[in-house]
């Protein structure tokens, strides 16, 4: 490998590491309260069971948004 390619790869790796660190910090700062967690879990369970009653058709959503 030539030096330029290696430098470019190292620069990209450093950039990716920075992005990963940022995402990890963001996730650590994002904690749900027990009530929020139960709500999210109930919605996930509902969706996994095939119940999509909480969703509205795209055309209707687009119309509401303007």
N, C-alpha and C. Protein backbone atom coordinates (compact mmCIF):
# COMPACT_ATOMS: atom_id res chain seq x y z
N UNK A 1 0.84 -1.19 0.00
CA UNK A 1 0.00 0.00 0.00
C UNK A 1 0.88 1.24 0.00
N UNK A 2 0.37 2.24 -0.65
CA UNK A 2 1.14 3.48 -0.64
C UNK A 2 0.76 4.31 0.58
N UNK A 3 1.60 5.23 0.93
CA UNK A 3 1.41 6.04 2.13
C UNK A 3 0.17 6.89 2.11
N UNK A 4 -0.19 7.39 0.93
CA UNK A 4 -1.37 8.25 0.82
C UNK A 4 -2.64 7.48 1.15
N UNK A 5 -2.74 6.27 0.62
CA UNK A 5 -3.92 5.44 0.89
C UNK A 5 -4.02 5.12 2.38
N UNK A 6 -2.90 4.76 2.98
CA UNK A 6 -2.89 4.43 4.41
C UNK A 6 -3.29 5.64 5.24
N UNK A 7 -2.80 6.82 4.88
CA UNK A 7 -3.16 8.04 5.61
C UNK A 7 -4.66 8.31 5.48
N UNK A 8 -5.19 8.09 4.28
CA UNK A 8 -6.61 8.32 4.04
C UNK A 8 -7.46 7.36 4.87
N UNK A 9 -7.05 6.10 4.90
CA UNK A 9 -7.77 5.10 5.69
C UNK A 9 -7.72 5.45 7.17
N UNK A 10 -6.56 5.86 7.65
CA UNK A 10 -6.42 6.22 9.06
C UNK A 10 -7.28 7.45 9.40
N UNK A 11 -7.34 8.40 8.48
CA UNK A 11 -8.16 9.59 8.69
C UNK A 11 -9.65 9.20 8.77
N UNK A 12 -10.07 8.31 7.88
CA UNK A 12 -11.46 7.85 7.88
C UNK A 12 -11.78 7.08 9.16
N UNK A 13 -10.86 6.24 9.60
CA UNK A 13 -11.06 5.48 10.83
C UNK A 13 -11.19 6.41 12.03
N UNK A 14 -10.36 7.44 12.07
CA UNK A 14 -10.41 8.40 13.16
C UNK A 14 -11.75 9.13 13.14
N UNK A 15 -12.21 9.48 11.95
CA UNK A 15 -13.49 10.16 11.81
C UNK A 15 -14.64 9.26 12.28
N UNK A 16 -14.60 8.00 11.87
CA UNK A 16 -15.64 7.05 12.27
C UNK A 16 -15.64 6.84 13.78
N UNK A 17 -14.45 6.77 14.37
CA UNK A 17 -14.36 6.60 15.81
C UNK A 17 -15.00 7.79 16.52
N UNK A 18 -14.76 8.99 16.01
CA UNK A 18 -15.38 10.18 16.58
C UNK A 18 -16.90 10.13 16.49
N UNK A 19 -17.41 9.67 15.35
CA UNK A 19 -18.85 9.56 15.17
C UNK A 19 -19.44 8.52 16.12
N UNK A 20 -18.74 7.41 16.28
CA UNK A 20 -19.20 6.36 17.20
C UNK A 20 -19.22 6.88 18.62
N UNK A 21 -18.19 7.59 19.01
CA UNK A 21 -18.14 8.17 20.36
C UNK A 21 -19.31 9.13 20.58
N UNK A 22 -19.61 9.94 19.57
CA UNK A 22 -20.73 10.88 19.66
C UNK A 22 -22.05 10.12 19.86
N UNK A 23 -22.26 9.08 19.06
CA UNK A 23 -23.49 8.29 19.16
C UNK A 23 -23.59 7.62 20.53
N UNK A 24 -22.47 7.09 21.03
CA UNK A 24 -22.48 6.46 22.35
C UNK A 24 -22.85 7.46 23.43
N UNK A 25 -22.29 8.65 23.37
CA UNK A 25 -22.62 9.70 24.35
C UNK A 25 -24.09 10.09 24.26
N UNK A 26 -24.59 10.19 23.04
CA UNK A 26 -25.99 10.54 22.84
C UNK A 26 -26.90 9.49 23.46
N UNK A 27 -26.58 8.22 23.21
CA UNK A 27 -27.40 7.14 23.75
C UNK A 27 -27.33 7.09 25.27
N UNK A 28 -26.17 7.37 25.83
CA UNK A 28 -26.04 7.38 27.28
C UNK A 28 -26.87 8.50 27.90
N UNK A 29 -27.03 9.61 27.18
CA UNK A 29 -27.81 10.73 27.67
C UNK A 29 -29.31 10.54 27.47
N UNK A 30 -29.68 9.56 26.65
CA UNK A 30 -31.07 9.33 26.32
C UNK A 30 -31.60 8.17 27.16
N UNK A 31 -32.14 8.50 28.31
CA UNK A 31 -32.70 7.48 29.19
C UNK A 31 -34.20 7.72 29.31
N UNK A 32 -34.95 6.65 29.17
CA UNK A 32 -36.39 6.75 29.31
C UNK A 32 -36.79 6.56 30.77
N UNK A 33 -37.82 7.27 31.16
CA UNK A 33 -38.38 7.03 32.49
C UNK A 33 -39.10 5.68 32.43
N UNK A 34 -39.39 5.08 33.56
CA UNK A 34 -40.13 3.80 33.55
C UNK A 34 -41.46 3.91 32.80
N UNK A 35 -42.16 5.03 32.95
CA UNK A 35 -43.43 5.22 32.25
C UNK A 35 -43.22 5.28 30.74
N UNK A 36 -42.19 6.02 30.31
CA UNK A 36 -41.88 6.12 28.87
C UNK A 36 -41.48 4.76 28.32
N UNK A 37 -40.69 4.02 29.08
CA UNK A 37 -40.25 2.69 28.63
C UNK A 37 -41.45 1.76 28.46
N UNK A 38 -42.38 1.76 29.42
CA UNK A 38 -43.58 0.92 29.30
C UNK A 38 -44.39 1.31 28.07
N UNK A 39 -44.50 2.61 27.82
CA UNK A 39 -45.25 3.09 26.66
C UNK A 39 -44.60 2.60 25.37
N UNK A 40 -43.29 2.80 25.25
CA UNK A 40 -42.57 2.36 24.05
C UNK A 40 -42.68 0.85 23.88
N UNK A 41 -42.47 0.11 24.96
CA UNK A 41 -42.56 -1.35 24.90
C UNK A 41 -43.96 -1.81 24.46
N UNK A 42 -45.00 -1.13 24.97
CA UNK A 42 -46.36 -1.51 24.58
C UNK A 42 -46.61 -1.25 23.10
N UNK A 43 -46.06 -0.14 22.59
CA UNK A 43 -46.23 0.17 21.16
C UNK A 43 -45.48 -0.83 20.30
N UNK A 44 -44.28 -1.20 20.70
CA UNK A 44 -43.50 -2.19 19.95
C UNK A 44 -44.22 -3.52 19.93
N UNK A 45 -44.74 -3.94 21.09
CA UNK A 45 -45.48 -5.21 21.18
C UNK A 45 -46.70 -5.18 20.26
N UNK A 46 -47.40 -4.05 20.27
CA UNK A 46 -48.59 -3.89 19.44
C UNK A 46 -48.25 -4.01 17.96
N UNK A 47 -47.18 -3.35 17.54
CA UNK A 47 -46.76 -3.40 16.14
C UNK A 47 -46.32 -4.80 15.75
N UNK A 48 -45.55 -5.46 16.62
CA UNK A 48 -45.09 -6.82 16.33
C UNK A 48 -46.24 -7.79 16.20
N UNK A 49 -47.34 -7.52 16.90
CA UNK A 49 -48.50 -8.41 16.82
C UNK A 49 -49.31 -8.15 15.55
N UNK A 50 -48.94 -7.13 14.80
CA UNK A 50 -49.61 -6.83 13.54
C UNK A 50 -50.66 -5.73 13.65
N UNK A 51 -50.83 -5.17 14.84
CA UNK A 51 -51.80 -4.11 15.04
C UNK A 51 -51.20 -2.78 14.59
N UNK A 52 -51.72 -2.26 13.50
CA UNK A 52 -51.21 -1.00 12.96
C UNK A 52 -52.24 0.13 13.12
N UNK A 53 -53.13 -0.01 14.10
CA UNK A 53 -54.19 0.98 14.28
C UNK A 53 -53.66 2.37 14.66
N UNK A 54 -52.44 2.43 15.16
CA UNK A 54 -51.86 3.74 15.51
C UNK A 54 -51.34 4.49 14.29
N UNK A 55 -51.24 3.80 13.17
CA UNK A 55 -50.72 4.42 11.95
C UNK A 55 -51.84 4.99 11.12
N UNK A 56 -51.53 6.06 10.39
CA UNK A 56 -52.49 6.61 9.45
C UNK A 56 -51.89 6.49 8.05
N UNK A 57 -52.74 6.38 7.02
CA UNK A 57 -52.23 6.27 5.66
C UNK A 57 -51.36 7.47 5.28
N UNK A 58 -50.36 7.22 4.45
CA UNK A 58 -49.42 8.27 4.04
C UNK A 58 -50.15 9.45 3.41
N UNK A 59 -51.14 9.18 2.56
CA UNK A 59 -51.86 10.27 1.89
C UNK A 59 -52.56 11.17 2.91
N UNK A 60 -53.13 10.56 3.94
CA UNK A 60 -53.82 11.33 4.98
C UNK A 60 -52.81 12.16 5.78
N UNK A 61 -51.67 11.57 6.10
CA UNK A 61 -50.63 12.28 6.85
C UNK A 61 -50.11 13.46 6.02
N UNK A 62 -49.87 13.20 4.74
CA UNK A 62 -49.36 14.24 3.85
C UNK A 62 -50.35 15.39 3.75
N UNK A 63 -51.63 15.05 3.69
CA UNK A 63 -52.67 16.07 3.60
C UNK A 63 -52.70 16.92 4.88
N UNK A 64 -52.55 16.26 6.04
CA UNK A 64 -52.55 16.99 7.32
C UNK A 64 -51.34 17.90 7.45
N UNK A 65 -50.20 17.43 6.93
CA UNK A 65 -48.98 18.21 7.03
C UNK A 65 -48.96 19.38 6.05
N UNK A 66 -49.79 19.30 5.03
CA UNK A 66 -49.88 20.41 4.09
C UNK A 66 -49.12 20.23 2.89
